Amino acid sequence: MSNPKLREPHPAREDGCFAVTPERKYYIRGNTFIKRSLRPKKFITNWKGKTYVPRLRKELLMNEAAALRFIRQHTDIPVPDIYCGFEDDDAYYLISQNIDGVNMSYLKDETVEGRRPCGAGETPG
């Protein structure tokens, strides 16, 4: 018989939240994708009672927003639209366009194995 606790939602998840990491929460609401840094009261504690404090938790999301805006303005690389980024109640929110796609973890190993990052001047293929 399966353990019913395994099927219960993560206690830190709200409506629309599909993932929680030690640093962030992720939400999809319609065509909107939301990343939010964890608030200090929601930091994760390990089995020894030590609290994991994410480094640069707000700054990393701010940098990601700036990088996506730069890529959109200066290249032809398709990236999601950034709707806004803001701080509220000691958490930083990055709100962007949700783009459907396939997560690499769902691809077969042989599809991923033959691929490697492109170096300077190389083209994918």
N, C-alpha and C. Protein backbone atom coordinates (compact mmCIF):
# COMPACT_ATOMS: atom_id res chain seq x y z
N MET A 1 0.84 -1.17 0.00
CA MET A 1 0.00 0.00 0.00
C MET A 1 0.89 1.24 0.00
N SER A 2 0.52 2.25 -0.80
CA SER A 2 1.36 3.45 -0.90
C SER A 2 1.14 4.38 0.29
N ASN A 3 2.15 5.17 0.53
CA ASN A 3 2.12 6.11 1.63
C ASN A 3 1.32 7.35 1.21
N PRO A 4 0.19 7.67 1.89
CA PRO A 4 -0.60 8.82 1.49
C PRO A 4 0.13 10.15 1.64
N LYS A 5 1.13 10.22 2.52
CA LYS A 5 1.89 11.46 2.69
C LYS A 5 2.63 11.85 1.42
N LEU A 6 3.04 10.86 0.61
CA LEU A 6 3.79 11.14 -0.60
C LEU A 6 2.94 11.87 -1.63
N ARG A 7 1.63 11.73 -1.56
CA ARG A 7 0.75 12.37 -2.54
C ARG A 7 0.27 13.74 -2.10
N GLU A 8 0.54 14.13 -0.88
CA GLU A 8 0.10 15.44 -0.41
C GLU A 8 0.97 16.52 -1.04
N PRO A 9 0.37 17.71 -1.33
CA PRO A 9 1.19 18.77 -1.92
C PRO A 9 2.23 19.28 -0.93
N HIS A 10 3.29 19.83 -1.46
CA HIS A 10 4.34 20.42 -0.64
C HIS A 10 3.70 21.49 0.25
N PRO A 11 4.01 21.53 1.54
CA PRO A 11 3.34 22.49 2.44
C PRO A 11 3.59 23.95 2.08
N ALA A 12 4.67 24.24 1.34
CA ALA A 12 4.98 25.62 1.00
C ALA A 12 4.37 26.05 -0.34
N ARG A 13 3.60 25.18 -0.98
CA ARG A 13 3.04 25.51 -2.29
C ARG A 13 1.66 26.15 -2.16
N GLU A 14 1.49 27.23 -2.91
CA GLU A 14 0.19 27.86 -2.99
C GLU A 14 -0.45 27.48 -4.32
N ASP A 15 -1.66 27.96 -4.54
CA ASP A 15 -2.37 27.72 -5.80
C ASP A 15 -1.53 28.22 -6.97
N GLY A 16 -1.33 27.40 -7.96
CA GLY A 16 -0.56 27.78 -9.14
C GLY A 16 0.92 27.49 -9.03
N CYS A 17 1.41 27.19 -7.84
CA CYS A 17 2.83 26.88 -7.63
C CYS A 17 3.09 25.44 -8.07
N PHE A 18 4.03 25.26 -9.01
CA PHE A 18 4.30 23.90 -9.48
C PHE A 18 5.65 23.37 -9.00
N ALA A 19 6.48 24.23 -8.43
CA ALA A 19 7.79 23.76 -7.94
C ALA A 19 8.32 24.68 -6.85
N VAL A 20 9.03 24.07 -5.90
CA VAL A 20 9.68 24.81 -4.83
C VAL A 20 11.10 24.27 -4.71
N THR A 21 12.09 25.16 -4.73
CA THR A 21 13.49 24.78 -4.54
C THR A 21 13.98 25.46 -3.26
N PRO A 22 15.18 25.17 -2.82
CA PRO A 22 15.69 25.87 -1.63
C PRO A 22 15.85 27.38 -1.82
N GLU A 23 15.75 27.84 -3.08
CA GLU A 23 15.94 29.27 -3.35
C GLU A 23 14.70 29.98 -3.88
N ARG A 24 13.79 29.26 -4.55
CA ARG A 24 12.69 29.91 -5.26
C ARG A 24 11.41 29.10 -5.27
N LYS A 25 10.35 29.79 -5.65
CA LYS A 25 9.06 29.16 -5.98
C LYS A 25 8.74 29.52 -7.42
N TYR A 26 8.07 28.60 -8.11
CA TYR A 26 7.73 28.78 -9.52
C TYR A 26 6.23 28.61 -9.69
N TYR A 27 5.64 29.52 -10.46
CA TYR A 27 4.20 29.52 -10.69
C TYR A 27 3.91 29.67 -12.18
N ILE A 28 2.79 29.10 -12.61
CA ILE A 28 2.23 29.38 -13.93
C ILE A 28 0.80 29.81 -13.69
N ARG A 29 0.48 30.98 -14.22
CA ARG A 29 -0.89 31.50 -14.16
C ARG A 29 -1.26 31.91 -15.57
N GLY A 30 -2.04 31.08 -16.25
CA GLY A 30 -2.40 31.38 -17.65
C GLY A 30 -1.16 31.40 -18.51
N ASN A 31 -0.93 32.52 -19.20
CA ASN A 31 0.25 32.67 -20.07
C ASN A 31 1.39 33.39 -19.36
N THR A 32 1.35 33.39 -18.03
CA THR A 32 2.35 34.10 -17.24
C THR A 32 3.17 33.13 -16.41
N PHE A 33 4.47 33.32 -16.41
CA PHE A 33 5.40 32.51 -15.63
C PHE A 33 5.97 33.40 -14.54
N ILE A 34 5.93 32.93 -13.30
CA ILE A 34 6.39 33.73 -12.17
C ILE A 34 7.47 32.97 -11.40
N LYS A 35 8.60 33.63 -11.17
CA LYS A 35 9.64 33.12 -10.29
C LYS A 35 9.68 34.05 -9.09
N ARG A 36 9.75 33.48 -7.91
CA ARG A 36 9.80 34.30 -6.70
C ARG A 36 10.86 33.76 -5.77
N SER A 37 11.68 34.65 -5.23
CA SER A 37 12.67 34.23 -4.23
C SER A 37 11.92 33.89 -2.94
N LEU A 38 12.49 32.97 -2.17
CA LEU A 38 11.87 32.61 -0.90
C LEU A 38 12.05 33.73 0.11
N ARG A 39 11.08 33.89 0.95
CA ARG A 39 11.18 34.84 2.06
C ARG A 39 11.97 34.16 3.18
N PRO A 40 12.68 34.94 4.00
CA PRO A 40 13.48 34.34 5.07
C PRO A 40 12.70 33.38 5.97
N LYS A 41 11.45 33.65 6.24
CA LYS A 41 10.67 32.75 7.11
C LYS A 41 10.36 31.41 6.43
N LYS A 42 10.62 31.30 5.11
CA LYS A 42 10.37 30.06 4.37
C LYS A 42 11.66 29.34 3.97
N PHE A 43 12.81 29.82 4.48
CA PHE A 43 14.06 29.13 4.18
C PHE A 43 13.98 27.70 4.69
N ILE A 44 14.64 26.81 3.98
CA ILE A 44 14.58 25.38 4.29
C ILE A 44 15.60 25.03 5.37
N THR A 45 15.20 24.17 6.29
CA THR A 45 16.06 23.68 7.35
C THR A 45 16.37 22.21 7.10
N ASN A 46 17.63 21.82 7.21
CA ASN A 46 17.99 20.43 6.98
C ASN A 46 17.71 19.58 8.23
N TRP A 47 18.01 18.31 8.14
CA TRP A 47 17.70 17.38 9.23
C TRP A 47 18.48 17.66 10.50
N LYS A 48 19.60 18.41 10.37
CA LYS A 48 20.39 18.78 11.56
C LYS A 48 19.90 20.08 12.19
N GLY A 49 18.89 20.69 11.57
CA GLY A 49 18.36 21.94 12.09
C GLY A 49 19.05 23.18 11.56
N LYS A 50 19.97 23.01 10.61
CA LYS A 50 20.68 24.15 10.03
C LYS A 50 19.85 24.73 8.88
N THR A 51 19.69 26.05 8.90
CA THR A 51 18.90 26.73 7.88
C THR A 51 19.77 27.05 6.67
N TYR A 52 19.25 26.70 5.48
CA TYR A 52 19.93 27.03 4.24
C TYR A 52 19.52 28.45 3.84
N VAL A 53 20.50 29.35 3.78
CA VAL A 53 20.25 30.74 3.40
C VAL A 53 20.78 30.93 1.98
N PRO A 54 19.88 31.11 1.00
CA PRO A 54 20.33 31.28 -0.39
C PRO A 54 21.18 32.54 -0.54
N ARG A 55 22.28 32.41 -1.26
CA ARG A 55 23.15 33.57 -1.53
C ARG A 55 22.56 34.38 -2.67
N LEU A 56 22.55 35.67 -2.54
CA LEU A 56 22.12 36.58 -3.60
C LEU A 56 20.73 36.24 -4.13
N ARG A 57 19.83 35.86 -3.25
CA ARG A 57 18.53 35.35 -3.68
C ARG A 57 17.74 36.34 -4.51
N LYS A 58 17.75 37.61 -4.17
CA LYS A 58 17.04 38.63 -4.95
C LYS A 58 17.86 39.07 -6.16
N GLU A 59 19.15 39.26 -5.93
CA GLU A 59 20.02 39.78 -6.98
C GLU A 59 20.10 38.85 -8.19
N LEU A 60 20.05 37.55 -7.97
CA LEU A 60 20.11 36.61 -9.10
C LEU A 60 18.90 36.76 -10.01
N LEU A 61 17.72 36.96 -9.44
CA LEU A 61 16.53 37.17 -10.27
C LEU A 61 16.57 38.52 -10.98
N MET A 62 17.08 39.54 -10.30
CA MET A 62 17.22 40.85 -10.93
C MET A 62 18.18 40.76 -12.12
N ASN A 63 19.28 40.03 -11.93
CA ASN A 63 20.26 39.84 -13.00
C ASN A 63 19.66 39.06 -14.16
N GLU A 64 18.87 38.04 -13.87
CA GLU A 64 18.23 37.25 -14.92
C GLU A 64 17.31 38.13 -15.76
N ALA A 65 16.54 38.99 -15.11
CA ALA A 65 15.64 39.90 -15.84
C ALA A 65 16.45 40.83 -16.73
N ALA A 66 17.53 41.39 -16.20
CA ALA A 66 18.37 42.30 -16.98
C ALA A 66 19.00 41.57 -18.18
N ALA A 67 19.44 40.33 -17.97
CA ALA A 67 20.05 39.55 -19.05
C ALA A 67 19.03 39.25 -20.15
N LEU A 68 17.82 38.87 -19.77
CA LEU A 68 16.78 38.59 -20.77
C LEU A 68 16.41 39.85 -21.56
N ARG A 69 16.33 40.98 -20.88
CA ARG A 69 16.03 42.24 -21.57
C ARG A 69 17.16 42.59 -22.55
N PHE A 70 18.40 42.40 -22.13
CA PHE A 70 19.55 42.68 -22.99
C PHE A 70 19.52 41.79 -24.23
N ILE A 71 19.30 40.49 -24.03
CA ILE A 71 19.26 39.54 -25.15
C ILE A 71 18.17 39.94 -26.13
N ARG A 72 17.00 40.30 -25.62
CA ARG A 72 15.88 40.68 -26.49
C ARG A 72 16.21 41.93 -27.30
N GLN A 73 16.86 42.92 -26.66
CA GLN A 73 17.16 44.19 -27.33
C GLN A 73 18.30 44.09 -28.34
N HIS A 74 19.30 43.26 -28.07
CA HIS A 74 20.52 43.28 -28.85
C HIS A 74 20.79 42.05 -29.71
N THR A 75 19.88 41.07 -29.69
CA THR A 75 20.08 39.87 -30.50
C THR A 75 18.75 39.44 -31.12
N ASP A 76 18.84 38.40 -31.93
CA ASP A 76 17.63 37.80 -32.52
C ASP A 76 17.25 36.51 -31.80
N ILE A 77 17.88 36.23 -30.68
CA ILE A 77 17.58 35.02 -29.92
C ILE A 77 16.21 35.17 -29.28
N PRO A 78 15.32 34.21 -29.51
CA PRO A 78 13.98 34.33 -28.91
C PRO A 78 14.02 34.06 -27.40
N VAL A 79 13.55 35.02 -26.65
CA VAL A 79 13.45 34.89 -25.19
C VAL A 79 12.07 35.37 -24.77
N PRO A 80 11.58 34.92 -23.62
CA PRO A 80 10.26 35.37 -23.18
C PRO A 80 10.25 36.87 -22.87
N ASP A 81 9.08 37.48 -23.06
CA ASP A 81 8.90 38.88 -22.67
C ASP A 81 8.96 38.97 -21.15
N ILE A 82 9.66 39.97 -20.64
CA ILE A 82 9.66 40.25 -19.20
C ILE A 82 8.58 41.28 -18.96
N TYR A 83 7.57 40.90 -18.20
CA TYR A 83 6.48 41.84 -17.90
C TYR A 83 6.89 42.80 -16.80
N CYS A 84 7.49 42.28 -15.75
CA CYS A 84 7.95 43.15 -14.67
C CYS A 84 8.77 42.35 -13.65
N GLY A 85 9.47 43.07 -12.84
CA GLY A 85 10.19 42.52 -11.70
C GLY A 85 10.01 43.50 -10.55
N PHE A 86 9.76 42.99 -9.37
CA PHE A 86 9.54 43.88 -8.23
C PHE A 86 9.79 43.14 -6.93
N GLU A 87 9.96 43.91 -5.87
CA GLU A 87 10.17 43.35 -4.54
C GLU A 87 8.93 43.61 -3.69
N ASP A 88 8.51 42.60 -2.95
CA ASP A 88 7.36 42.73 -2.05
C ASP A 88 7.56 41.78 -0.87
N ASP A 89 7.40 42.29 0.33
CA ASP A 89 7.47 41.49 1.55
C ASP A 89 8.72 40.62 1.60
N ASP A 90 9.87 41.24 1.30
CA ASP A 90 11.19 40.59 1.36
C ASP A 90 11.35 39.44 0.38
N ALA A 91 10.61 39.48 -0.74
CA ALA A 91 10.77 38.50 -1.82
C ALA A 91 10.82 39.27 -3.13
N TYR A 92 11.63 38.78 -4.09
CA TYR A 92 11.70 39.41 -5.40
C TYR A 92 10.92 38.55 -6.39
N TYR A 93 10.10 39.18 -7.19
CA TYR A 93 9.28 38.52 -8.20
C TYR A 93 9.80 38.86 -9.59
N LEU A 94 9.89 37.86 -10.44
CA LEU A 94 10.20 38.05 -11.85
C LEU A 94 9.03 37.46 -12.62
N ILE A 95 8.31 38.32 -13.33
CA ILE A 95 7.10 37.90 -14.03
C ILE A 95 7.35 38.02 -15.53
N SER A 96 7.18 36.90 -16.22
CA SER A 96 7.48 36.87 -17.65
C SER A 96 6.42 36.07 -18.41
N GLN A 97 6.59 36.07 -19.70
CA GLN A 97 5.73 35.30 -20.60
C GLN A 97 6.03 33.82 -20.39
N ASN A 98 4.99 33.00 -20.36
CA ASN A 98 5.18 31.55 -20.29
C ASN A 98 5.25 31.02 -21.71
N ILE A 99 6.31 30.31 -22.02
CA ILE A 99 6.48 29.73 -23.35
C ILE A 99 6.46 28.22 -23.22
N ASP A 100 5.56 27.58 -23.96
CA ASP A 100 5.49 26.12 -23.93
C ASP A 100 6.73 25.54 -24.58
N GLY A 101 7.16 24.41 -24.07
CA GLY A 101 8.32 23.74 -24.62
C GLY A 101 8.50 22.40 -23.95
N VAL A 102 9.58 21.74 -24.27
CA VAL A 102 9.89 20.44 -23.69
C VAL A 102 11.09 20.60 -22.77
N ASN A 103 10.94 20.18 -21.53
CA ASN A 103 12.03 20.21 -20.57
C ASN A 103 13.07 19.18 -21.01
N MET A 104 14.35 19.53 -20.93
CA MET A 104 15.40 18.60 -21.35
C MET A 104 15.37 17.30 -20.57
N SER A 105 14.86 17.32 -19.33
CA SER A 105 14.82 16.09 -18.54
C SER A 105 13.85 15.07 -19.14
N TYR A 106 12.95 15.50 -20.04
CA TYR A 106 12.02 14.59 -20.68
C TYR A 106 12.54 14.02 -21.99
N LEU A 107 13.67 14.54 -22.48
CA LEU A 107 14.24 14.05 -23.73
C LEU A 107 14.97 12.74 -23.50
N LYS A 108 15.01 11.91 -24.53
CA LYS A 108 15.75 10.65 -24.44
C LYS A 108 17.23 10.96 -24.37
N ASP A 109 17.98 10.12 -23.67
CA ASP A 109 19.42 10.33 -23.49
C ASP A 109 20.15 10.49 -24.82
N GLU A 110 19.79 9.67 -25.83
CA GLU A 110 20.51 9.74 -27.10
C GLU A 110 20.26 11.07 -27.81
N THR A 111 19.15 11.74 -27.53
CA THR A 111 18.88 13.04 -28.12
C THR A 111 19.79 14.09 -27.53
N VAL A 112 20.05 14.00 -26.24
CA VAL A 112 20.86 14.99 -25.53
C VAL A 112 22.35 14.69 -25.68
N GLU A 113 22.73 13.39 -25.71
CA GLU A 113 24.14 13.00 -25.73
C GLU A 113 24.94 13.60 -26.86
N GLY A 114 24.37 13.64 -28.07
CA GLY A 114 25.10 14.13 -29.23
C GLY A 114 25.24 15.63 -29.26
N ARG A 115 24.62 16.31 -28.36
CA ARG A 115 24.65 17.78 -28.36
C ARG A 115 25.71 18.28 -27.38
N ARG A 116 26.36 19.34 -27.74
CA ARG A 116 27.30 19.98 -26.84
C ARG A 116 27.17 21.49 -27.05
N PRO A 117 27.56 22.26 -26.06
CA PRO A 117 27.46 23.71 -26.20
C PRO A 117 28.33 24.19 -27.37
N CYS A 118 27.86 25.20 -28.07
CA CYS A 118 28.63 25.78 -29.17
C CYS A 118 29.73 26.67 -28.63
N GLY A 119 30.89 26.58 -29.22
CA GLY A 119 31.97 27.49 -28.86
C GLY A 119 31.90 28.73 -29.74
N ALA A 120 32.81 29.64 -29.55
CA ALA A 120 32.83 30.87 -30.34
C ALA A 120 32.97 30.53 -31.82
N GLY A 121 32.08 31.07 -32.63
CA GLY A 121 32.15 30.88 -34.07
C GLY A 121 31.58 29.56 -34.57
N GLU A 122 31.14 28.68 -33.67
CA GLU A 122 30.56 27.40 -34.11
C GLU A 122 29.06 27.56 -34.27
N THR A 123 28.51 26.70 -35.08
CA THR A 123 27.05 26.67 -35.24
C THR A 123 26.55 25.33 -34.75
N PRO A 124 25.32 25.30 -34.22
CA PRO A 124 24.79 24.02 -33.72
C PRO A 124 24.59 23.04 -34.86
N GLY A 125 24.67 21.77 -34.54
CA GLY A 125 24.40 20.80 -35.58
C GLY A 125 24.96 19.53 -35.33
